[in-house]
Amino acid sequence: MTANVEIVASGYRWVGYGIRSFLSEIREMLITARNEVSMTVYIINDMEIVELIKKVIDRGVFVEIFIYIPDYSGITDAATKILGMKDRYPNLKVIEVNDEVVHAKVIVMDGRKVLVGSANPTHAGFVTNYELGLVVESVEIAQKITLLLRRLGER
């Protein structure tokens, strides 16, 4: 198995010096996606990411989001907006997971590129926390992770 791997990070002492930020990588993945994006969300409050997801959907890309919502009492505005879009867009599939904890942070783009790491799509995850992740370009790895994600939707 051959893969191209790059490091991404957050935290002002880690980003730069040849290391890209989580936010810049996620932006690029969403902007350049052509066919499909699958992602997990433990917690989301970054509305820029939600708006980028909407633009991806508007371009006709299939988006699949596995979102952890243990209950609706603490749901963020960003998660509420994602849930509100699911009935309006046939190319958006939102899988609410509330009986198990989905703590993984992963995005798979077009079955070939994967971002996996510790950052949630939040201000803290993108800016103030020190988070670390990898971007892997590998069809084989992307397919395996996509299969794992879709097992969450099997009920």
C-alpha atoms as a PDB file:
ATOM      1  CA  MET A   1       0.000   0.000   0.000  1.00  0.00           C
ATOM      2  CA  THR A   2       1.421   3.346  -1.066  1.00  0.00           C
ATOM      3  CA  ALA A   3       0.158   6.595   0.391  1.00  0.00           C
ATOM      4  CA  ASN A   4       1.149  10.226   0.363  1.00  0.00           C
ATOM      5  CA  VAL A   5       0.937  11.519   3.952  1.00  0.00           C
ATOM      6  CA  GLU A   6       1.094  15.086   5.259  1.00  0.00           C
ATOM      7  CA  ILE A   7       0.798  16.512   8.774  1.00  0.00           C
ATOM      8  CA  VAL A   8      -1.871  19.059   9.733  1.00  0.00           C
ATOM      9  CA  ALA A   9      -2.164  20.838  13.048  1.00  0.00           C
ATOM     10  CA  SER A  10      -3.720  23.650  15.020  1.00  0.00           C
ATOM     11  CA  GLY A  11      -2.190  25.885  17.657  1.00  0.00           C
ATOM     12  CA  TYR A  12      -0.130  28.945  16.819  1.00  0.00           C
ATOM     13  CA  ARG A  13       3.192  27.285  17.693  1.00  0.00           C
ATOM     14  CA  TRP A  14       2.508  24.307  15.426  1.00  0.00           C
ATOM     15  CA  VAL A  15       0.919  25.800  12.306  1.00  0.00           C
ATOM     16  CA  GLY A  16       3.328  27.228   9.798  1.00  0.00           C
ATOM     17  CA  TYR A  17       6.877  26.012   9.450  1.00  0.00           C
ATOM     18  CA  GLY A  18       5.677  23.784   6.604  1.00  0.00           C
ATOM     19  CA  ILE A  19       2.664  22.480   8.562  1.00  0.00           C
ATOM     20  CA  ARG A  20      -0.829  23.283   7.258  1.00  0.00           C
ATOM     21  CA  SER A  21      -3.746  24.003   9.534  1.00  0.00           C
ATOM     22  CA  PHE A  22      -6.774  21.743   9.938  1.00  0.00           C
ATOM     23  CA  LEU A  23      -9.008  24.577   8.790  1.00  0.00           C
ATOM     24  CA  SER A  24      -7.079  25.239   5.574  1.00  0.00           C
ATOM     25  CA  GLU A  25      -7.027  21.527   4.736  1.00  0.00           C
ATOM     26  CA  ILE A  26     -10.759  21.106   5.389  1.00  0.00           C
ATOM     27  CA  ARG A  27     -11.512  24.189   3.287  1.00  0.00           C
ATOM     28  CA  GLU A  28      -9.455  22.811   0.419  1.00  0.00           C
ATOM     29  CA  MET A  29     -11.025  19.353   0.638  1.00  0.00           C
ATOM     30  CA  LEU A  30     -14.548  20.761   0.604  1.00  0.00           C
ATOM     31  CA  ILE A  31     -13.858  23.284  -2.150  1.00  0.00           C
ATOM     32  CA  THR A  32     -12.206  20.721  -4.441  1.00  0.00           C
ATOM     33  CA  ALA A  33     -14.537  17.766  -3.797  1.00  0.00           C
ATOM     34  CA  ARG A  34     -16.116  16.565  -7.033  1.00  0.00           C
ATOM     35  CA  ASN A  35     -18.116  13.441  -6.178  1.00  0.00           C
ATOM     36  CA  GLU A  36     -18.573  12.744  -2.486  1.00  0.00           C
ATOM     37  CA  VAL A  37     -17.547  13.719   1.006  1.00  0.00           C
ATOM     38  CA  SER A  38     -18.052  11.549   4.080  1.00  0.00           C
ATOM     39  CA  MET A  39     -17.312  12.946   7.505  1.00  0.00           C
ATOM     40  CA  THR A  40     -17.820  12.400  11.192  1.00  0.00           C
ATOM     41  CA  VAL A  41     -18.719  15.161  13.603  1.00  0.00           C
ATOM     42  CA  TYR A  42     -18.410  14.824  17.367  1.00  0.00           C
ATOM     43  CA  ILE A  43     -19.160  18.482  18.022  1.00  0.00           C
ATOM     44  CA  ILE A  44     -19.424  21.322  15.513  1.00  0.00           C
ATOM     45  CA  ASN A  45     -19.899  25.035  16.083  1.00  0.00           C
ATOM     46  CA  ASP A  46     -17.920  26.482  13.182  1.00  0.00           C
ATOM     47  CA  MET A  47     -20.511  28.029  10.868  1.00  0.00           C
ATOM     48  CA  GLU A  48     -17.931  28.540   8.098  1.00  0.00           C
ATOM     49  CA  ILE A  49     -17.658  24.757   7.781  1.00  0.00           C
ATOM     50  CA  VAL A  50     -21.445  24.447   7.669  1.00  0.00           C
ATOM     51  CA  GLU A  51     -21.585  27.067   4.894  1.00  0.00           C
ATOM     52  CA  LEU A  52     -18.841  25.250   2.980  1.00  0.00           C
ATOM     53  CA  ILE A  53     -20.780  21.995   3.323  1.00  0.00           C
ATOM     54  CA  LYS A  54     -23.862  23.750   1.921  1.00  0.00           C
ATOM     55  CA  LYS A  55     -21.835  25.026  -1.056  1.00  0.00           C
ATOM     56  CA  VAL A  56     -20.542  21.507  -1.699  1.00  0.00           C
ATOM     57  CA  ILE A  57     -24.114  20.189  -1.663  1.00  0.00           C
ATOM     58  CA  ASP A  58     -25.272  23.021  -3.945  1.00  0.00           C
ATOM     59  CA  ARG A  59     -22.595  21.929  -6.461  1.00  0.00           C
ATOM     60  CA  GLY A  60     -24.215  18.485  -6.564  1.00  0.00           C
ATOM     61  CA  VAL A  61     -21.596  16.642  -4.536  1.00  0.00           C
ATOM     62  CA  PHE A  62     -22.974  13.854  -2.317  1.00  0.00           C
ATOM     63  CA  VAL A  63     -22.265  14.622   1.353  1.00  0.00           C
ATOM     64  CA  GLU A  64     -22.635  12.077   4.120  1.00  0.00           C
ATOM     65  CA  ILE A  65     -22.300  13.292   7.718  1.00  0.00           C
ATOM     66  CA  PHE A  66     -22.215  11.015  10.736  1.00  0.00           C
ATOM     67  CA  ILE A  67     -23.030  13.327  13.620  1.00  0.00           C
ATOM     68  CA  TYR A  68     -22.955  12.484  17.309  1.00  0.00           C
ATOM     69  CA  ILE A  69     -26.037  13.831  19.069  1.00  0.00           C
ATOM     70  CA  PRO A  70     -26.550  12.138  22.441  1.00  0.00           C
ATOM     71  CA  ASP A  71     -29.537  14.382  23.130  1.00  0.00           C
ATOM     72  CA  TYR A  72     -30.850  17.647  21.773  1.00  0.00           C
ATOM     73  CA  SER A  73     -30.429  19.695  24.947  1.00  0.00           C
ATOM     74  CA  GLY A  74     -26.891  20.806  24.123  1.00  0.00           C
ATOM     75  CA  ILE A  75     -27.045  20.832  20.340  1.00  0.00           C
ATOM     76  CA  THR A  76     -25.116  23.641  18.667  1.00  0.00           C
ATOM     77  CA  ASP A  77     -26.536  26.064  16.088  1.00  0.00           C
ATOM     78  CA  ALA A  78     -24.202  24.544  13.503  1.00  0.00           C
ATOM     79  CA  ALA A  79     -25.489  21.014  14.148  1.00  0.00           C
ATOM     80  CA  THR A  80     -29.070  22.284  14.072  1.00  0.00           C
ATOM     81  CA  LYS A  81     -28.426  23.876  10.677  1.00  0.00           C
ATOM     82  CA  ILE A  82     -26.952  20.635   9.308  1.00  0.00           C
ATOM     83  CA  LEU A  83     -29.961  18.676  10.567  1.00  0.00           C
ATOM     84  CA  GLY A  84     -32.283  21.257   9.009  1.00  0.00           C
ATOM     85  CA  MET A  85     -30.670  20.818   5.594  1.00  0.00           C
ATOM     86  CA  LYS A  86     -31.077  17.042   5.429  1.00  0.00           C
ATOM     87  CA  ASP A  87     -34.699  17.093   4.226  1.00  0.00           C
ATOM     88  CA  ARG A  88     -34.058  19.790   1.617  1.00  0.00           C
ATOM     89  CA  TYR A  89     -31.145  18.185  -0.214  1.00  0.00           C
ATOM     90  CA  PRO A  90     -31.345  14.708  -1.750  1.00  0.00           C
ATOM     91  CA  ASN A  91     -27.540  14.597  -2.003  1.00  0.00           C
ATOM     92  CA  LEU A  92     -27.107  15.115   1.766  1.00  0.00           C
ATOM     93  CA  LYS A  93     -27.312  12.138   4.074  1.00  0.00           C
ATOM     94  CA  VAL A  94     -27.137  12.868   7.801  1.00  0.00           C
ATOM     95  CA  ILE A  95     -26.795   9.920  10.127  1.00  0.00           C
ATOM     96  CA  GLU A  96     -27.541  10.868  13.718  1.00  0.00           C
ATOM     97  CA  VAL A  97     -25.694   8.669  16.169  1.00  0.00           C
ATOM     98  CA  ASN A  98     -26.999   8.894  19.705  1.00  0.00           C
ATOM     99  CA  ASP A  99     -26.678   5.404  21.130  1.00  0.00           C
ATOM    100  CA  GLU A 100     -22.892   5.219  20.739  1.00  0.00           C
ATOM    101  CA  VAL A 101     -20.156   7.823  21.055  1.00  0.00           C
ATOM    102  CA  VAL A 102     -18.682   8.859  17.707  1.00  0.00           C
ATOM    103  CA  HIS A 103     -15.496  10.585  18.765  1.00  0.00           C
ATOM    104  CA  ALA A 104     -13.560  10.058  15.529  1.00  0.00           C
ATOM    105  CA  LYS A 105     -12.743  13.130  13.492  1.00  0.00           C
ATOM    106  CA  VAL A 106     -12.404  12.140   9.867  1.00  0.00           C
ATOM    107  CA  ILE A 107     -13.221  13.426   6.386  1.00  0.00           C
ATOM    108  CA  VAL A 108     -12.988  11.294   3.247  1.00  0.00           C
ATOM    109  CA  MET A 109     -13.033  13.134  -0.067  1.00  0.00           C
ATOM    110  CA  ASP A 110     -13.795  11.524  -3.418  1.00  0.00           C
ATOM    111  CA  GLY A 111     -12.688   8.090  -2.228  1.00  0.00           C
ATOM    112  CA  ARG A 112      -9.032   9.032  -2.383  1.00  0.00           C
ATOM    113  CA  LYS A 113      -8.103  11.568   0.285  1.00  0.00           C
ATOM    114  CA  VAL A 114      -8.570  11.282   4.057  1.00  0.00           C
ATOM    115  CA  LEU A 115      -8.104  13.770   6.857  1.00  0.00           C
ATOM    116  CA  VAL A 116      -7.996  12.139  10.262  1.00  0.00           C
ATOM    117  CA  GLY A 117      -7.011  13.831  13.488  1.00  0.00           C
ATOM    118  CA  SER A 118      -8.024  15.148  16.845  1.00  0.00           C
ATOM    119  CA  ALA A 119      -9.595  18.516  15.932  1.00  0.00           C
ATOM    120  CA  ASN A 120     -13.332  19.110  16.115  1.00  0.00           C
ATOM    121  CA  PRO A 121     -14.757  21.706  13.688  1.00  0.00           C
ATOM    122  CA  THR A 122     -14.862  24.348  16.417  1.00  0.00           C
ATOM    123  CA  HIS A 123     -12.950  27.553  17.114  1.00  0.00           C
ATOM    124  CA  ALA A 124     -10.941  25.746  19.800  1.00  0.00           C
ATOM    125  CA  GLY A 125     -10.217  22.805  17.506  1.00  0.00           C
ATOM    126  CA  PHE A 126      -9.035  25.055  14.698  1.00  0.00           C
ATOM    127  CA  VAL A 127      -7.292  27.850  16.589  1.00  0.00           C
ATOM    128  CA  THR A 128      -6.613  27.625  20.311  1.00  0.00           C
ATOM    129  CA  ASN A 129      -6.081  23.905  20.978  1.00  0.00           C
ATOM    130  CA  TYR A 130      -2.977  22.032  19.942  1.00  0.00           C
ATOM    131  CA  GLU A 131      -4.410  19.366  17.663  1.00  0.00           C
ATOM    132  CA  LEU A 132      -2.616  17.024  15.305  1.00  0.00           C
ATOM    133  CA  GLY A 133      -3.713  15.034  12.288  1.00  0.00           C
ATOM    134  CA  LEU A 134      -2.731  13.417   9.021  1.00  0.00           C
ATOM    135  CA  VAL A 135      -3.877  13.868   5.455  1.00  0.00           C
ATOM    136  CA  VAL A 136      -3.515  10.611   3.563  1.00  0.00           C
ATOM    137  CA  GLU A 137      -3.900  10.254  -0.190  1.00  0.00           C
ATOM    138  CA  SER A 138      -4.703   6.595  -0.771  1.00  0.00           C
ATOM    139  CA  VAL A 139      -7.690   5.013  -2.481  1.00  0.00           C
ATOM    140  CA  GLU A 140      -7.283   1.838  -0.419  1.00  0.00           C
ATOM    141  CA  ILE A 141      -7.245   3.664   2.927  1.00  0.00           C
ATOM    142  CA  ALA A 142     -10.093   5.979   1.893  1.00  0.00           C
ATOM    143  CA  GLN A 143     -12.243   2.977   0.930  1.00  0.00           C
ATOM    144  CA  LYS A 144     -11.537   1.160   4.197  1.00  0.00           C
ATOM    145  CA  ILE A 145     -12.403   4.215   6.283  1.00  0.00           C
ATOM    146  CA  THR A 146     -15.574   4.831   4.251  1.00  0.00           C
ATOM    147  CA  LEU A 147     -16.668   1.245   4.921  1.00  0.00           C
ATOM    148  CA  LEU A 148     -16.060   1.738   8.643  1.00  0.00           C
ATOM    149  CA  LEU A 149     -18.079   4.948   8.649  1.00  0.00           C
ATOM    150  CA  ARG A 150     -21.000   3.391   6.836  1.00  0.00           C
ATOM    151  CA  ARG A 151     -21.218   0.665   9.457  1.00  0.00           C
ATOM    152  CA  LEU A 152     -22.371   3.429  11.805  1.00  0.00           C
ATOM    153  CA  GLY A 153     -25.417   3.921   9.608  1.00  0.00           C
ATOM    154  CA  GLU A 154     -26.386   0.245   9.696  1.00  0.00           C
ATOM    155  CA  ARG A 155     -29.193  -0.183  12.189  1.00  0.00           C
END
